[in-house]
Protein backbone atom coordinates (compact mmCIF):
# COMPACT_ATOMS: atom_id res chain seq x y z
CA MET A 1 19.30 -95.47 9.87
CA ARG A 2 22.12 -94.62 12.26
CA THR A 3 19.20 -92.52 14.26
CA LEU A 4 16.63 -94.89 13.94
CA ILE A 5 19.21 -97.33 15.09
CA ARG A 6 19.87 -95.18 18.04
CA SER A 7 16.44 -95.23 18.77
CA LEU A 8 15.60 -98.81 19.17
CA LYS A 9 18.63 -98.65 20.75
CA ILE A 10 17.62 -96.08 23.36
CA ALA A 11 13.75 -97.95 24.28
CA TRP A 12 15.52 -101.79 23.98
CA ILE A 13 17.90 -100.09 27.26
CA PHE A 14 14.34 -98.53 28.72
CA ALA A 15 12.50 -101.90 28.27
CA LYS A 16 15.12 -103.59 30.29
CA TYR A 17 16.01 -101.62 33.10
CA ARG A 18 12.22 -100.55 33.76
CA LEU A 19 12.70 -97.74 33.39
CA ASP A 20 8.99 -97.15 32.53
CA THR A 21 8.05 -96.96 36.54
CA PHE A 22 9.96 -93.00 36.29
CA PHE A 23 6.59 -92.49 34.60
CA THR A 24 3.94 -94.53 37.06
CA GLN A 25 3.75 -92.55 39.39
CA PRO A 26 1.22 -89.87 41.05
CA LEU A 27 2.58 -86.89 39.80
CA MET A 28 2.66 -87.76 36.49
CA PRO A 29 -0.88 -87.14 34.60
CA TRP A 30 -2.84 -90.30 34.58
CA TYR A 31 -3.29 -90.44 30.67
CA VAL A 32 0.33 -91.23 30.80
CA GLN A 33 0.72 -93.65 33.40
CA LEU A 34 -1.72 -95.54 31.93
CA MET A 35 0.19 -95.60 28.46
CA PHE A 36 3.15 -97.61 30.94
CA ARG A 37 1.46 -99.94 32.40
CA LEU A 38 0.26 -100.58 29.40
CA MET A 39 3.44 -101.72 27.97
CA PHE A 40 3.92 -105.39 27.20
CA TRP A 41 8.04 -105.47 28.90
CA ARG A 42 6.19 -104.62 32.35
CA TYR A 43 4.80 -108.67 32.14
CA LEU A 44 7.76 -110.19 31.24
CA ILE A 45 10.81 -108.14 31.84
CA PRO A 46 11.02 -108.27 36.45
CA ALA A 47 12.64 -104.65 38.51
CA ARG A 48 15.18 -106.01 39.71
CA HIS A 49 16.49 -103.83 41.21
CA SER A 50 15.81 -99.97 42.70
CA GLN A 51 14.71 -96.69 40.48
CA ALA A 52 17.96 -95.38 41.39
CA GLU A 53 20.39 -98.02 40.48
CA ARG A 54 18.25 -99.28 37.03
CA LEU A 55 18.99 -96.06 35.62
CA ARG A 56 22.13 -95.62 36.43
CA LEU A 57 22.65 -99.27 34.64
CA ALA A 58 20.63 -98.04 31.55
CA LEU A 59 23.08 -94.91 31.50
CA GLU A 60 26.28 -97.15 31.32
CA ALA A 61 24.29 -99.09 29.27
CA LEU A 62 24.07 -96.37 26.54
CA GLY A 63 27.58 -95.28 26.47
CA PRO A 64 29.88 -92.14 26.98
CA VAL A 65 27.59 -89.69 26.80
CA PHE A 66 24.56 -91.12 28.30
CA ILE A 67 27.25 -91.27 31.01
CA LYS A 68 28.90 -88.10 31.66
CA PHE A 69 24.92 -86.12 31.99
CA GLY A 70 24.25 -89.04 34.32
CA GLN A 71 27.33 -87.32 36.46
CA MET A 72 26.20 -84.02 35.35
CA LEU A 73 22.83 -84.75 36.83
CA SER A 74 24.50 -85.94 40.18
CA THR A 75 25.59 -82.76 41.03
CA ARG A 76 22.02 -81.10 40.79
CA ARG A 77 21.16 -82.14 44.07
CA ASP A 78 18.21 -79.44 43.79
CA LEU A 79 16.79 -81.41 40.96
CA LEU A 80 16.89 -84.64 42.26
CA PRO A 81 16.14 -87.50 45.34
CA ASP A 82 19.66 -87.69 47.38
CA ASP A 83 19.52 -91.77 46.42
CA LEU A 84 19.02 -91.45 43.16
CA ALA A 85 21.70 -88.17 42.99
CA GLU A 86 23.69 -90.65 45.18
CA GLU A 87 23.49 -93.46 42.56
CA LEU A 88 24.61 -91.25 39.59
CA ALA A 89 27.41 -90.21 41.19
CA ARG A 90 28.74 -93.78 40.97
CA LEU A 91 28.48 -93.57 36.81
CA GLN A 92 31.84 -94.88 35.95
CA ASP A 93 33.39 -94.57 32.29
CA ARG A 94 34.43 -97.08 30.62
CA VAL A 95 35.34 -97.07 27.09
CA PRO A 96 37.86 -99.14 25.30
CA PRO A 97 40.42 -96.86 23.28
CA PHE A 98 40.57 -97.12 19.66
CA GLU A 99 43.25 -97.76 17.78
CA GLY A 100 47.10 -96.07 18.14
CA ALA A 101 46.91 -95.76 14.88
CA ARG A 102 43.84 -94.19 14.05
CA ALA A 103 45.49 -91.47 17.35
CA ARG A 104 48.92 -90.89 14.90
CA GLN A 105 46.64 -90.47 11.81
CA ILE A 106 44.76 -87.71 13.47
CA ILE A 107 47.77 -85.88 14.98
CA GLU A 108 49.48 -85.47 11.98
CA ARG A 109 46.60 -84.52 9.51
CA GLU A 110 46.46 -81.84 12.97
CA LEU A 111 49.87 -81.13 13.02
CA LYS A 112 50.70 -81.29 9.86
CA GLN A 113 53.73 -83.40 10.06
CA PRO A 114 54.65 -86.59 10.39
CA VAL A 115 54.98 -87.99 13.78
CA SER A 116 58.46 -88.72 13.48
CA GLU A 117 58.59 -86.00 13.36
CA ILE A 118 57.22 -84.30 16.33
CA PHE A 119 58.28 -87.05 18.54
CA ALA A 120 61.96 -88.82 19.29
CA VAL A 121 58.87 -91.56 20.74
CA PHE A 122 55.42 -92.23 20.70
CA GLU A 123 53.99 -95.03 21.74
CA GLN A 124 50.80 -95.52 19.86
CA GLU A 125 49.30 -98.08 23.68
CA PRO A 126 47.38 -95.51 25.13
CA MET A 127 47.87 -95.09 28.48
CA ALA A 128 44.46 -93.51 29.34
CA SER A 129 41.03 -93.65 27.45
CA ALA A 130 37.72 -91.64 28.12
CA SER A 131 34.80 -91.51 26.75
CA VAL A 132 35.77 -88.29 24.73
CA ALA A 133 39.58 -88.43 24.05
CA GLN A 134 42.68 -90.56 24.81
CA VAL A 135 46.04 -89.72 25.94
CA HIS A 136 49.22 -91.61 24.77
CA ALA A 137 52.80 -91.28 26.04
CA ALA A 138 55.71 -89.72 23.96
CA THR A 139 58.62 -87.92 23.97
CA LEU A 140 59.70 -84.21 22.21
CA LYS A 141 62.86 -84.02 19.90
CA ASN A 142 64.58 -82.14 22.81
CA GLY A 143 64.14 -84.86 25.14
CA ARG A 144 61.04 -83.49 27.55
CA SER A 145 58.57 -86.30 28.26
CA VAL A 146 54.95 -85.62 27.09
CA VAL A 147 51.48 -86.97 26.87
CA VAL A 148 49.20 -86.40 24.02
CA LYS A 149 45.75 -86.27 24.38
CA VAL A 150 43.68 -87.15 20.87
CA ILE A 151 40.06 -86.64 20.50
CA ARG A 152 37.67 -89.91 19.86
CA PRO A 153 37.44 -90.05 16.07
CA GLY A 154 33.10 -89.60 15.11
CA ILE A 155 32.60 -88.56 19.30
CA GLY A 156 31.11 -85.09 17.78
CA ARG A 157 28.82 -86.53 15.44
CA VAL A 158 27.71 -89.13 18.21
CA ILE A 159 27.20 -86.76 20.42
CA ARG A 160 25.16 -84.26 18.63
CA GLN A 161 22.78 -86.95 18.04
CA ASP A 162 22.73 -88.11 21.65
CA VAL A 163 22.50 -84.32 22.47
CA ALA A 164 19.46 -84.79 20.13
CA LEU A 165 17.59 -86.93 21.65
CA LEU A 166 18.15 -85.93 25.11
CA TYR A 167 15.97 -82.12 24.25
CA LEU A 168 13.22 -84.56 22.68
CA LEU A 169 13.16 -86.38 26.37
CA ALA A 170 13.61 -83.00 28.65
CA ARG A 171 10.21 -81.30 26.23
CA LEU A 172 8.60 -84.62 27.33
CA VAL A 173 9.43 -84.75 30.19
CA GLN A 174 8.66 -80.69 30.90
CA LYS A 175 5.67 -81.45 29.48
CA LEU A 176 4.71 -84.82 30.82
CA TRP A 177 4.90 -83.88 34.66
CA VAL A 178 3.53 -82.04 36.74
CA GLU A 179 7.38 -81.11 38.59
CA GLY A 180 8.63 -80.44 34.76
CA ARG A 181 8.86 -76.95 34.61
CA ARG A 182 10.01 -76.30 38.09
CA LEU A 183 13.19 -79.13 37.39
CA ARG A 184 13.90 -77.49 33.76
CA PRO A 185 14.89 -79.84 32.06
CA VAL A 186 15.38 -78.51 28.37
CA GLU A 187 18.38 -75.77 29.92
CA VAL A 188 19.84 -78.40 31.87
CA VAL A 189 20.08 -79.87 28.59
CA ALA A 190 21.62 -77.22 26.82
CA GLU A 191 24.39 -76.50 29.76
CA TYR A 192 24.77 -80.11 29.59
CA GLU A 193 25.71 -79.41 25.31
CA GLN A 194 27.76 -76.12 26.55
CA THR A 195 29.96 -78.47 28.61
CA ILE A 196 30.52 -81.44 26.47
CA PHE A 197 30.60 -79.65 23.21
CA ASP A 198 33.30 -77.41 24.44
CA GLU A 199 35.75 -80.55 25.68
CA LEU A 200 35.89 -81.40 21.85
CA ASP A 201 38.35 -78.33 21.62
CA LEU A 202 41.28 -79.11 23.43
CA ARG A 203 42.09 -75.74 22.75
CA LYS A 204 39.94 -74.39 24.95
CA GLU A 205 41.87 -76.89 28.05
CA ALA A 206 44.83 -76.03 27.36
CA ALA A 207 44.25 -72.69 27.54
CA ASN A 208 42.46 -73.20 30.90
CA GLY A 209 45.99 -75.15 31.85
CA SER A 210 48.10 -72.37 30.34
CA GLN A 211 46.23 -69.86 33.07
CA LEU A 212 45.81 -71.82 36.04
CA ARG A 213 49.23 -72.12 35.90
CA ARG A 214 50.21 -69.02 36.37
CA ASN A 215 47.72 -68.32 38.78
CA PHE A 216 50.22 -70.59 40.72
CA GLU A 217 54.06 -69.87 39.04
CA GLY A 218 56.14 -70.53 41.51
CA SER A 219 53.56 -72.02 44.33
CA GLY A 220 54.50 -74.59 46.75
CA ILE A 221 51.06 -76.51 46.97
CA LEU A 222 49.69 -76.55 43.32
CA TYR A 223 51.35 -78.01 39.91
CA VAL A 224 50.09 -77.53 36.66
CA PRO A 225 51.58 -78.80 34.40
CA GLU A 226 53.39 -77.27 30.18
CA ILE A 227 51.36 -77.32 27.84
CA PHE A 228 53.72 -77.28 24.67
CA TRP A 229 51.27 -74.87 22.14
CA ASP A 230 53.22 -75.48 19.79
CA HIS A 231 51.61 -79.09 19.51
CA THR A 232 47.88 -78.05 20.10
CA ARG A 233 44.80 -78.06 17.76
CA GLN A 234 41.74 -78.69 18.35
CA GLN A 235 41.57 -82.54 18.58
CA VAL A 236 45.86 -82.99 20.08
CA LEU A 237 46.78 -81.77 23.82
CA VAL A 238 50.26 -82.06 23.99
CA MET A 239 51.25 -81.76 28.17
CA GLU A 240 54.23 -82.18 30.09
CA ARG A 241 54.04 -85.13 31.72
CA ILE A 242 54.12 -85.63 35.16
CA HIS A 243 55.05 -88.04 37.99
CA GLY A 244 53.18 -88.50 40.88
CA VAL A 245 50.79 -90.50 43.41
CA PRO A 246 47.38 -90.32 42.49
CA VAL A 247 45.46 -88.81 45.38
CA ALA A 248 42.76 -91.79 46.40
CA ASP A 249 45.95 -94.30 46.66
CA VAL A 250 46.37 -93.65 50.69
CA ALA A 251 48.32 -96.40 51.37
CA GLN A 252 51.43 -95.37 49.06
CA LEU A 253 51.18 -91.38 50.14
CA ARG A 254 51.38 -92.88 53.55
CA ALA A 255 54.05 -95.45 53.29
CA GLN A 256 56.43 -93.01 51.21
CA GLY A 257 55.66 -90.62 54.59
CA THR A 258 53.26 -87.72 53.46
CA ASP A 259 51.46 -85.27 55.92
CA MET A 260 48.40 -86.47 55.53
CA LYS A 261 47.17 -83.41 57.36
CA CYS A 262 48.72 -80.92 55.62
CA LEU A 263 48.13 -82.21 51.76
CA ALA A 264 44.33 -82.22 53.01
CA GLU A 265 44.47 -78.62 53.95
CA ARG A 266 46.35 -77.41 50.93
CA GLY A 267 43.47 -79.27 49.04
CA VAL A 268 40.99 -76.65 50.55
CA GLU A 269 43.41 -74.13 50.26
CA ILE A 270 43.60 -74.04 46.68
CA PHE A 271 40.74 -74.43 46.25
CA PHE A 272 39.54 -71.33 48.28
CA THR A 273 42.55 -69.69 46.63
CA GLN A 274 40.99 -70.62 43.06
CA VAL A 275 37.04 -69.24 44.02
CA PHE A 276 38.66 -66.24 46.33
CA ARG A 277 41.38 -65.20 44.85
CA ASP A 278 42.02 -65.84 40.69
CA SER A 279 37.77 -66.28 40.33
CA PHE A 280 38.95 -69.32 38.06
CA PHE A 281 39.36 -73.13 39.86
CA HIS A 282 39.69 -76.29 38.78
CA ALA A 283 35.23 -77.75 38.48
CA ASP A 284 36.81 -81.12 37.45
CA MET A 285 38.70 -82.16 40.90
CA HIS A 286 38.05 -85.55 41.27
CA PRO A 287 40.66 -88.53 42.41
CA GLY A 288 41.79 -89.29 39.09
CA ASN A 289 42.36 -85.96 37.72
CA ILE A 290 44.62 -85.26 41.00
CA PHE A 291 48.09 -86.75 41.67
CA VAL A 292 50.58 -85.62 44.88
CA SER A 293 54.47 -84.78 43.78
CA ARG A 294 56.57 -87.95 45.37
CA ASP A 295 59.63 -85.43 45.54
CA THR A 296 58.61 -83.99 49.40
CA PRO A 297 56.18 -86.27 51.04
CA SER A 298 56.97 -83.70 54.32
CA ASP A 299 56.04 -80.33 52.49
CA PRO A 300 52.82 -82.23 50.33
CA GLN A 301 52.15 -80.96 46.95
CA TYR A 302 49.19 -81.58 44.27
CA ILE A 303 49.57 -81.80 40.72
CA ALA A 304 46.40 -81.36 38.09
CA VAL A 305 45.61 -82.25 35.20
CA ASP A 306 42.51 -82.41 32.54
CA PHE A 307 41.21 -78.53 32.73
CA GLY A 308 38.43 -79.05 30.39
CA ILE A 309 35.83 -78.25 33.40
CA ILE A 310 36.31 -75.05 34.53
CA GLY A 311 34.36 -72.44 36.96
CA SER A 312 34.36 -69.21 37.85
CA LEU A 313 32.22 -66.47 39.93
CA ASN A 314 31.96 -62.73 39.47
CA ALA A 315 32.93 -60.11 42.21
CA GLU A 316 29.01 -60.63 43.38
CA ASP A 317 28.84 -63.80 43.40
CA GLN A 318 32.22 -63.93 45.10
CA ASN A 319 30.72 -61.23 48.12
CA TYR A 320 27.42 -63.42 48.79
CA LEU A 321 29.09 -66.70 48.82
CA ALA A 322 32.46 -65.74 51.29
CA ARG A 323 29.60 -63.59 53.19
CA ASN A 324 26.79 -66.78 52.96
CA ILE A 325 29.39 -69.32 54.57
CA LEU A 326 30.87 -66.83 57.28
CA ALA A 327 27.20 -66.26 58.25
CA PHE A 328 26.94 -70.43 58.44
CA PHE A 329 30.01 -70.39 60.10
CA LYS A 330 28.43 -67.73 62.98
CA ARG A 331 25.15 -70.02 62.83
CA ASP A 332 23.41 -65.81 61.84
CA TYR A 333 20.54 -67.18 59.82
CA ARG A 334 18.80 -64.20 59.20
CA GLN A 335 22.12 -63.21 57.56
CA VAL A 336 22.02 -66.06 55.68
CA ALA A 337 17.93 -65.90 54.52
CA GLN A 338 18.26 -62.02 53.89
CA LEU A 339 21.71 -62.80 51.62
CA HIS A 340 20.06 -65.05 49.31
CA ILE A 341 16.69 -62.87 48.41
CA ASP A 342 18.90 -59.75 48.09
CA SER A 343 21.44 -61.75 45.60
CA GLY A 344 17.85 -63.08 44.16
CA TRP A 345 18.25 -66.84 44.24
CA VAL A 346 15.27 -66.69 45.99
CA PRO A 347 12.08 -64.75 45.17
CA ARG A 348 11.77 -60.78 46.32
CA ASP A 349 8.37 -61.77 47.78
CA THR A 350 10.17 -64.32 50.32
CA ASN A 351 9.27 -64.29 53.54
CA VAL A 352 12.67 -63.82 55.43
CA HIS A 353 11.06 -64.67 58.99
CA ALA A 354 9.88 -68.06 57.70
CA PHE A 355 13.11 -68.08 55.51
CA GLU A 356 15.30 -68.08 57.90
CA THR A 357 13.22 -70.84 60.58
CA ALA A 358 13.56 -72.82 58.04
CA ILE A 359 17.11 -72.68 57.61
CA ARG A 360 17.57 -72.70 61.37
CA SER A 361 15.83 -76.35 61.16
CA VAL A 362 18.17 -77.69 58.06
CA CYS A 363 21.41 -76.22 59.94
CA GLU A 364 21.01 -76.54 63.98
CA PRO A 365 21.14 -80.04 63.82
CA ILE A 366 24.57 -80.21 62.33
CA PHE A 367 25.99 -77.89 64.45
CA GLU A 368 25.65 -79.95 67.53
CA LYS A 369 28.04 -82.12 66.74
CA PRO A 370 31.78 -81.24 67.06
CA LEU A 371 32.83 -79.01 64.52
CA LYS A 372 35.73 -82.09 62.87
CA ASP A 373 32.15 -84.48 61.71
CA ILE A 374 30.56 -81.38 59.87
CA SER A 375 30.63 -81.91 56.39
CA PHE A 376 29.38 -78.59 54.16
CA GLY A 377 28.54 -81.40 51.70
CA MET A 378 24.95 -81.89 53.90
CA VAL A 379 24.62 -78.38 55.27
CA LEU A 380 24.24 -77.84 51.31
CA LEU A 381 22.06 -80.59 50.47
CA GLY A 382 19.59 -79.46 53.59
CA LEU A 383 19.81 -76.32 51.64
CA PHE A 384 18.11 -77.61 48.74
CA GLN A 385 16.02 -79.40 50.19
CA THR A 386 14.33 -76.19 52.11
CA ALA A 387 15.08 -74.74 48.56
CA ARG A 388 12.37 -76.66 47.07
CA ARG A 389 10.39 -75.15 49.32
CA PHE A 390 10.38 -71.49 48.62
CA ASN A 391 11.26 -71.43 45.09
CA MET A 392 14.99 -71.11 45.41
CA GLU A 393 16.86 -71.67 41.98
CA VAL A 394 20.19 -72.87 41.98
CA GLN A 395 22.34 -70.60 40.11
CA PRO A 396 24.44 -71.83 37.13
CA GLN A 397 27.59 -70.59 38.05
CA LEU A 398 27.60 -71.46 41.29
CA VAL A 399 26.74 -75.83 40.30
CA LEU A 400 30.66 -76.00 39.53
CA LEU A 401 31.57 -74.86 42.32
CA GLN A 402 28.86 -76.68 44.98
CA LYS A 403 30.41 -80.03 42.53
CA THR A 404 33.73 -79.28 42.90
CA LEU A 405 33.31 -78.36 46.61
CA LEU A 406 31.57 -81.62 47.33
CA ASN A 407 34.96 -83.16 45.68
CA ILE A 408 37.20 -81.35 48.29
CA GLU A 409 35.65 -82.19 50.76
CA GLY A 410 35.61 -85.80 50.50
CA LEU A 411 38.76 -86.28 49.09
CA GLY A 412 40.36 -84.24 51.97
CA ARG A 413 38.29 -86.68 54.02
CA GLN A 414 40.19 -90.15 52.81
CA LEU A 415 42.88 -88.58 53.23
CA TYR A 416 42.76 -86.97 56.66
CA PRO A 417 39.13 -88.39 58.38
CA ASP A 418 39.75 -85.44 61.08
CA LEU A 419 39.47 -82.72 58.93
CA ASP A 420 37.91 -79.57 59.92
CA LEU A 421 37.30 -77.90 56.60
CA TRP A 422 34.96 -74.97 58.23
CA GLN A 423 38.61 -74.22 60.95
CA THR A 424 40.08 -74.32 57.63
CA ALA A 425 38.09 -72.00 55.66
CA LYS A 426 37.21 -69.57 58.10
CA PRO A 427 40.09 -67.72 57.90
CA PHE A 428 41.33 -67.56 54.46
CA LEU A 429 36.95 -66.31 53.98
CA GLU A 430 37.57 -63.44 56.82
CA ASN A 431 41.13 -62.17 55.38
CA TRP A 432 39.46 -62.07 51.88
CA MET A 433 36.96 -60.17 53.14
CA GLN A 434 39.17 -57.77 54.81
CA GLU A 435 41.49 -57.26 52.25
CA ARG A 436 38.51 -56.55 49.87
CA MET A 437 36.43 -54.54 52.07
CA GLY A 438 38.99 -52.89 54.18
CA VAL A 439 41.83 -49.59 53.28
CA LYS A 440 43.76 -52.25 51.53
CA ALA A 441 41.14 -53.11 49.40
CA VAL A 442 40.48 -49.15 48.65
CA TYR A 443 44.13 -48.21 47.48
CA ARG A 444 44.59 -51.09 45.85
CA ASN A 445 41.76 -49.65 43.75
CA VAL A 446 42.58 -46.20 43.80
CA LYS A 447 46.46 -47.27 42.99
CA GLU A 448 45.11 -49.67 40.26
CA GLN A 449 42.39 -46.69 38.70
CA ALA A 450 45.27 -43.32 39.20
CA PRO A 451 46.34 -44.52 35.65
CA GLU A 452 43.09 -43.77 33.74
CA TRP A 453 42.29 -40.93 36.04
CA LEU A 454 45.60 -39.29 34.70
CA GLU A 455 44.54 -40.13 31.36
CA LYS A 456 41.42 -38.50 31.22
CA LEU A 457 42.34 -35.57 33.69
CA PRO A 458 43.06 -32.74 31.05
CA HIS A 459 40.61 -33.76 28.58
CA LEU A 460 38.22 -32.45 32.14
CA PRO A 461 37.33 -28.79 32.00
CA GLN A 462 36.36 -30.03 27.94
CA MET A 463 33.65 -32.92 29.65
CA VAL A 464 32.63 -30.47 32.06
CA TYR A 465 32.08 -27.80 29.71
CA ASP A 466 30.39 -30.58 27.49
CA SER A 467 28.52 -31.15 29.86
CA LEU A 468 26.95 -27.79 31.15
CA GLU A 469 26.05 -27.25 27.25
CA GLN A 470 24.40 -30.10 27.72
CA MET A 471 22.40 -28.79 30.07
CA LYS A 472 21.42 -25.25 28.56
CA LEU A 473 20.64 -27.75 25.92
CA HIS A 474 17.60 -29.79 27.18
CA SER A 475 16.83 -27.13 29.26
CA ALA A 476 16.00 -24.09 26.31
CA THR A 477 14.26 -27.68 24.82
CA ASP A 478 12.73 -28.75 27.82
CA ALA A 479 11.37 -25.20 28.47
CA GLU A 480 10.50 -25.01 24.10
CA PHE A 481 8.31 -28.16 25.39
CA GLN A 482 6.10 -27.18 28.63
CA ARG A 483 5.02 -23.92 26.11
CA GLN A 484 3.96 -26.26 22.88
CA LEU A 485 2.38 -28.41 25.19
CA ALA A 486 0.71 -24.42 27.53
CA ARG A 487 -0.49 -23.67 23.92
CA GLU A 488 -2.23 -26.84 22.73
CA GLN A 489 -3.90 -27.16 26.18
CA GLN A 490 -5.75 -23.37 25.53
CA VAL A 491 -6.26 -24.84 22.09
CA GLU A 492 -8.28 -28.29 23.17
CA ARG A 493 -9.66 -26.31 25.94
CA ARG A 494 -11.69 -23.47 23.81
CA ARG A 495 -12.27 -26.27 21.52
CA THR A 496 -14.41 -27.36 24.24
CA ARG A 497 -15.51 -24.41 25.70
CA ARG A 498 -17.29 -23.64 22.11
CA SER A 499 -18.38 -27.24 21.05
CA LEU A 500 -20.38 -26.69 25.00
CA LEU A 501 -21.84 -23.19 24.20
CA ALA A 502 -22.79 -24.95 20.56
CA GLY A 503 -24.27 -27.72 22.43
CA ALA A 504 -26.44 -25.16 24.84
CA THR A 505 -27.21 -22.93 21.72
CA LEU A 506 -29.02 -26.31 20.17
CA VAL A 507 -30.95 -26.78 23.11
CA ALA A 508 -31.84 -24.19 23.41
CA ALA A 509 -33.25 -23.31 20.66
CA ALA A 510 -34.89 -26.54 20.13
CA LEU A 511 -36.28 -25.57 23.33
CA ALA A 512 -38.25 -22.24 21.71
CA ALA A 513 -39.61 -24.73 18.71
CA SER A 514 -40.81 -26.95 21.44
CA GLN A 515 -41.91 -24.38 24.08
CA PRO A 516 -43.61 -21.88 22.11
CA GLN A 517 -45.38 -19.86 26.05
CA LEU A 518 -40.81 -20.13 26.54
CA TRP A 519 -40.25 -18.23 23.62
CA GLN A 520 -42.92 -15.81 23.99
CA SER A 521 -41.62 -15.29 27.42
CA LEU A 522 -37.54 -14.09 26.27
CA GLN A 523 -38.97 -11.38 24.77
CA GLN A 524 -40.18 -9.74 27.14
CA LEU A 525 -36.84 -9.51 28.53
CA PRO A 526 -35.26 -5.68 28.90
CA LEU A 527 -33.05 -5.12 25.73
CA LEU A 528 -30.11 -4.42 27.83
CA ALA A 529 -29.98 -7.78 29.59
CA GLY A 530 -30.53 -9.46 26.38
CA VAL A 531 -27.14 -7.12 24.82
CA ALA A 532 -25.42 -8.58 28.29
CA ALA A 533 -26.47 -11.66 27.34
CA GLY A 534 -25.18 -12.27 23.99
CA ALA A 535 -21.91 -10.75 24.88
CA GLY A 536 -21.03 -13.07 27.43
CA TRP A 537 -21.81 -15.13 24.59
CA ILE A 538 -18.96 -13.33 21.97
CA LEU A 539 -16.59 -13.50 24.57
CA LEU A 540 -16.70 -17.26 25.74
CA TRP A 541 -16.63 -18.61 22.34
CA ARG A 542 -13.17 -16.48 22.00
CA ALA A 543 -11.96 -17.24 24.88
């Protein structure tokens, strides 16, 4: 019954915001276009806004799960037109809080203790509320100020129900739309499903926060709050409470004398440090999750919260990405094209020259601007448009990276409009490549692997002996196999010759029976010739 009611609500919102216009495009099959053109609401409800705006409003009306899905789609510039992606990026997650008493019940059930025994103070009025969880302020018995994050009750059932409907819609799009197969909507929904269900387990977010805190322990540029594991469970997370200025509050930052240029550049430094040094980056760095410490405005320090979405890259992706970015800096479009092919991001049979020309046509006009005015985000968007012509598929492991980079760049330009992202990032990447490829990297690798080599050294003679024995065994086996093969081939040749001789004998007998003159001629042959012929026949048969 709940599924039926939910489906009816979706149908009503579909009609209210005239989403049928998405299915009457020329690329849709004619019967799909006809079906939607016959829907009666087309003639009763006018389409008052643009397609992109109507889609955003519809997703907001459908609730948290669809809002988060739209937010994720807004990062997939490889799949969506620019206007649609920009409109979806405006989605706001406005969710009313649930009762504080219900939050207390969840905390007590998860921690198996009364709230009064865990906290000296617990504020039932939430500080903030989102689609998946809400946050309460509290004070531990030892006097530490903390925040308590509690999963919204019943949200798991709602998510499963809505994700099932998203899968249904994705399969319809993939089947009915000409470009549906290229856009891979089912895979997009699967990726979203994994992300949103990960957010339901606050232990994963706590683990991410702990790792990020270790990575920046003692750092002056980023502070990560402490996680209190004794009070953290699947649906409850207790974390140190921080007091900072929201990074989007530029007026307050300026009022306290913050060095805005340094703050913007440090945001870029944090991003590239997380990506290339740690391969573990905060992938949800929108302004609501980033604060600035009030303590040292002239030496600004970021504070990060909400670690539900974390990205990582393997060593190969790090290498290709760094080399791609440096090639962009140097306008070496040939290398950019070749790196895309080598990494498998575009098919192996791609015409390198054509791909290089397409990349140059996108990037060269951008580089005509002053460096401080160049947007790496615009470069990415241009490449996404180019990629469609060369069947390039944006790698899943890079999607979060692209989204985060766009957020960082936008935030940096908001803090300091003259931010030169290229100039800030270039020295970092060059140093990273030098450390990775240079003598220091070789020494570091030898140093790291030396204990393992020393551990295996005493076993080396036995390993060599075993290898030689295996080679001898394989050699003997191969020789026996060759002899067996030769015997089988000899038997097969004998069978072939005997078959041919038997066939010839039958043919001769048939000729003798049908041609009496031929038989009389054969009888007149000399005895010696006949004996020789018979002996040859026998030898051939036994060969």
